[in-house]
């Protein structure tokens, strides 16, 4: 469920961790915790595969602290994703253009 979103946030966290924390292949403890949290939240998303981008989502599933951490990661990694993972980036951008469907 939400495999594209899981790959996208995972890649974003890896890019962020490598640049900000100097890691190479493995994530630091803090970023590994954030990735695990994000992956778990995506697995439990009420929208399933029809999940909108986080920016358009009406269901706020992250705790305030984790939401801020993910925003920081996205601000840094978002612009860099086109270079590192163009397919994931374009897929995410296209998905963000689609109208949001309400639950139900």
C-alpha atoms as a PDB file:
ATOM      1  CA  UNK A   1       0.000   0.000   0.000  1.00  0.00           C
ATOM      2  CA  UNK A   2       1.299   3.493  -0.905  1.00  0.00           C
ATOM      3  CA  UNK A   3       4.469   2.052  -2.396  1.00  0.00           C
ATOM      4  CA  UNK A   4       5.340   5.158  -4.439  1.00  0.00           C
ATOM      5  CA  UNK A   5       4.867   7.417  -1.418  1.00  0.00           C
ATOM      6  CA  UNK A   6       6.966   5.097   0.731  1.00  0.00           C
ATOM      7  CA  UNK A   7       9.788   5.081  -1.807  1.00  0.00           C
ATOM      8  CA  UNK A   8       9.569   8.857  -2.208  1.00  0.00           C
ATOM      9  CA  UNK A   9       9.713   9.739   1.498  1.00  0.00           C
ATOM     10  CA  UNK A  10      12.423   7.114   2.053  1.00  0.00           C
ATOM     11  CA  UNK A  11      14.553   8.611  -0.704  1.00  0.00           C
ATOM     12  CA  UNK A  12      13.961  12.139   0.607  1.00  0.00           C
ATOM     13  CA  UNK A  13      15.037  11.140   4.106  1.00  0.00           C
ATOM     14  CA  UNK A  14      18.171   9.435   2.725  1.00  0.00           C
ATOM     15  CA  UNK A  15      19.134  12.539   0.726  1.00  0.00           C
ATOM     16  CA  UNK A  16      18.589  14.738   3.776  1.00  0.00           C
ATOM     17  CA  UNK A  17      20.521  12.456   6.133  1.00  0.00           C
ATOM     18  CA  UNK A  18      23.468  12.140   3.770  1.00  0.00           C
ATOM     19  CA  UNK A  19      23.749  15.916   3.356  1.00  0.00           C
ATOM     20  CA  UNK A  20      22.958  17.023   6.893  1.00  0.00           C
ATOM     21  CA  UNK A  21      24.364  14.180   8.981  1.00  0.00           C
ATOM     22  CA  UNK A  22      27.180  12.909   6.765  1.00  0.00           C
ATOM     23  CA  UNK A  23      25.881   9.367   6.353  1.00  0.00           C
ATOM     24  CA  UNK A  24      26.545   7.289   3.264  1.00  0.00           C
ATOM     25  CA  UNK A  25      24.295   4.221   2.927  1.00  0.00           C
ATOM     26  CA  UNK A  26      22.682   3.777   6.348  1.00  0.00           C
ATOM     27  CA  UNK A  27      20.561   6.404   8.059  1.00  0.00           C
ATOM     28  CA  UNK A  28      21.562   7.974  11.353  1.00  0.00           C
ATOM     29  CA  UNK A  29      19.434   7.005  14.365  1.00  0.00           C
ATOM     30  CA  UNK A  30      17.255  10.111  14.191  1.00  0.00           C
ATOM     31  CA  UNK A  31      16.545   9.799  10.471  1.00  0.00           C
ATOM     32  CA  UNK A  32      15.964   6.033  10.762  1.00  0.00           C
ATOM     33  CA  UNK A  33      13.357   6.770  13.443  1.00  0.00           C
ATOM     34  CA  UNK A  34      11.695   9.372  11.196  1.00  0.00           C
ATOM     35  CA  UNK A  35      11.681   6.996   8.215  1.00  0.00           C
ATOM     36  CA  UNK A  36      10.183   4.175  10.277  1.00  0.00           C
ATOM     37  CA  UNK A  37       7.491   6.534  11.584  1.00  0.00           C
ATOM     38  CA  UNK A  38       6.652   7.862   8.095  1.00  0.00           C
ATOM     39  CA  UNK A  39       6.527   4.354   6.608  1.00  0.00           C
ATOM     40  CA  UNK A  40       4.224   3.173   9.409  1.00  0.00           C
ATOM     41  CA  UNK A  41       1.902   6.176   8.969  1.00  0.00           C
ATOM     42  CA  UNK A  42       1.719   5.589   5.205  1.00  0.00           C
ATOM     43  CA  UNK A  43       0.848   1.924   5.801  1.00  0.00           C
ATOM     44  CA  UNK A  44      -2.112   2.983   7.923  1.00  0.00           C
ATOM     45  CA  UNK A  45      -3.350   5.770   5.621  1.00  0.00           C
ATOM     46  CA  UNK A  46      -7.145   5.776   5.310  1.00  0.00           C
ATOM     47  CA  UNK A  47      -6.828   6.713   1.616  1.00  0.00           C
ATOM     48  CA  UNK A  48      -4.775   3.654   0.699  1.00  0.00           C
ATOM     49  CA  UNK A  49      -3.420   3.839  -2.849  1.00  0.00           C
ATOM     50  CA  UNK A  50      -5.608   6.903  -3.531  1.00  0.00           C
ATOM     51  CA  UNK A  51      -3.673   8.951  -0.979  1.00  0.00           C
ATOM     52  CA  UNK A  52      -3.244  12.563  -2.045  1.00  0.00           C
ATOM     53  CA  UNK A  53       0.066  14.338  -1.585  1.00  0.00           C
ATOM     54  CA  UNK A  54       0.608  15.438   2.016  1.00  0.00           C
ATOM     55  CA  UNK A  55       0.134  19.058   0.996  1.00  0.00           C
ATOM     56  CA  UNK A  56      -3.431  18.345  -0.192  1.00  0.00           C
ATOM     57  CA  UNK A  57      -4.385  15.785   2.456  1.00  0.00           C
ATOM     58  CA  UNK A  58      -7.182  16.669   4.875  1.00  0.00           C
ATOM     59  CA  UNK A  59      -6.212  13.943   7.363  1.00  0.00           C
ATOM     60  CA  UNK A  60      -3.238  14.977   9.465  1.00  0.00           C
ATOM     61  CA  UNK A  61      -1.715  11.684  10.531  1.00  0.00           C
ATOM     62  CA  UNK A  62       1.664  12.924  11.819  1.00  0.00           C
ATOM     63  CA  UNK A  63       2.266  14.208  15.318  1.00  0.00           C
ATOM     64  CA  UNK A  64       3.195  17.920  15.351  1.00  0.00           C
ATOM     65  CA  UNK A  65       6.875  17.144  16.083  1.00  0.00           C
ATOM     66  CA  UNK A  66       7.169  14.571  13.306  1.00  0.00           C
ATOM     67  CA  UNK A  67       5.260  16.810  10.908  1.00  0.00           C
ATOM     68  CA  UNK A  68       7.876  19.542  11.428  1.00  0.00           C
ATOM     69  CA  UNK A  69      10.719  17.080  10.915  1.00  0.00           C
ATOM     70  CA  UNK A  70       9.182  15.791   7.676  1.00  0.00           C
ATOM     71  CA  UNK A  71       8.613  19.360   6.465  1.00  0.00           C
ATOM     72  CA  UNK A  72      12.299  20.118   7.057  1.00  0.00           C
ATOM     73  CA  UNK A  73      13.299  17.014   5.103  1.00  0.00           C
ATOM     74  CA  UNK A  74      10.916  17.875   2.263  1.00  0.00           C
ATOM     75  CA  UNK A  75      12.121  21.490   2.056  1.00  0.00           C
ATOM     76  CA  UNK A  76      15.693  20.284   1.657  1.00  0.00           C
ATOM     77  CA  UNK A  77      15.168  17.151  -0.452  1.00  0.00           C
ATOM     78  CA  UNK A  78      12.231  18.200  -2.612  1.00  0.00           C
ATOM     79  CA  UNK A  79      14.201  20.378  -5.040  1.00  0.00           C
ATOM     80  CA  UNK A  80      17.047  17.835  -5.173  1.00  0.00           C
ATOM     81  CA  UNK A  81      14.808  14.867  -5.958  1.00  0.00           C
ATOM     82  CA  UNK A  82      14.642  15.771  -9.663  1.00  0.00           C
ATOM     83  CA  UNK A  83      18.374  15.101  -9.935  1.00  0.00           C
ATOM     84  CA  UNK A  84      18.502  12.000  -7.739  1.00  0.00           C
ATOM     85  CA  UNK A  85      15.166  10.308  -8.501  1.00  0.00           C
ATOM     86  CA  UNK A  86      13.502  11.958 -11.487  1.00  0.00           C
ATOM     87  CA  UNK A  87      10.807   9.286 -11.904  1.00  0.00           C
ATOM     88  CA  UNK A  88       9.693   9.517  -8.261  1.00  0.00           C
ATOM     89  CA  UNK A  89       9.777  13.320  -8.483  1.00  0.00           C
ATOM     90  CA  UNK A  90       7.676  13.524 -11.601  1.00  0.00           C
ATOM     91  CA  UNK A  91       5.208  10.962 -10.272  1.00  0.00           C
ATOM     92  CA  UNK A  92       4.829  12.987  -7.066  1.00  0.00           C
ATOM     93  CA  UNK A  93       4.424  16.263  -8.976  1.00  0.00           C
ATOM     94  CA  UNK A  94       1.758  14.789 -11.278  1.00  0.00           C
ATOM     95  CA  UNK A  95      -0.082  13.284  -8.329  1.00  0.00           C
ATOM     96  CA  UNK A  96      -0.097  16.723  -6.690  1.00  0.00           C
ATOM     97  CA  UNK A  97      -1.871  18.179  -9.724  1.00  0.00           C
ATOM     98  CA  UNK A  98      -4.765  15.716  -9.561  1.00  0.00           C
ATOM     99  CA  UNK A  99      -7.913  16.831  -7.704  1.00  0.00           C
ATOM    100  CA  UNK A 100      -8.263  15.473  -4.182  1.00  0.00           C
ATOM    101  CA  UNK A 101     -10.991  12.863  -3.623  1.00  0.00           C
ATOM    102  CA  UNK A 102     -12.789  12.922  -0.260  1.00  0.00           C
ATOM    103  CA  UNK A 103     -12.831   9.750   1.864  1.00  0.00           C
ATOM    104  CA  UNK A 104     -15.781   7.474   1.362  1.00  0.00           C
END
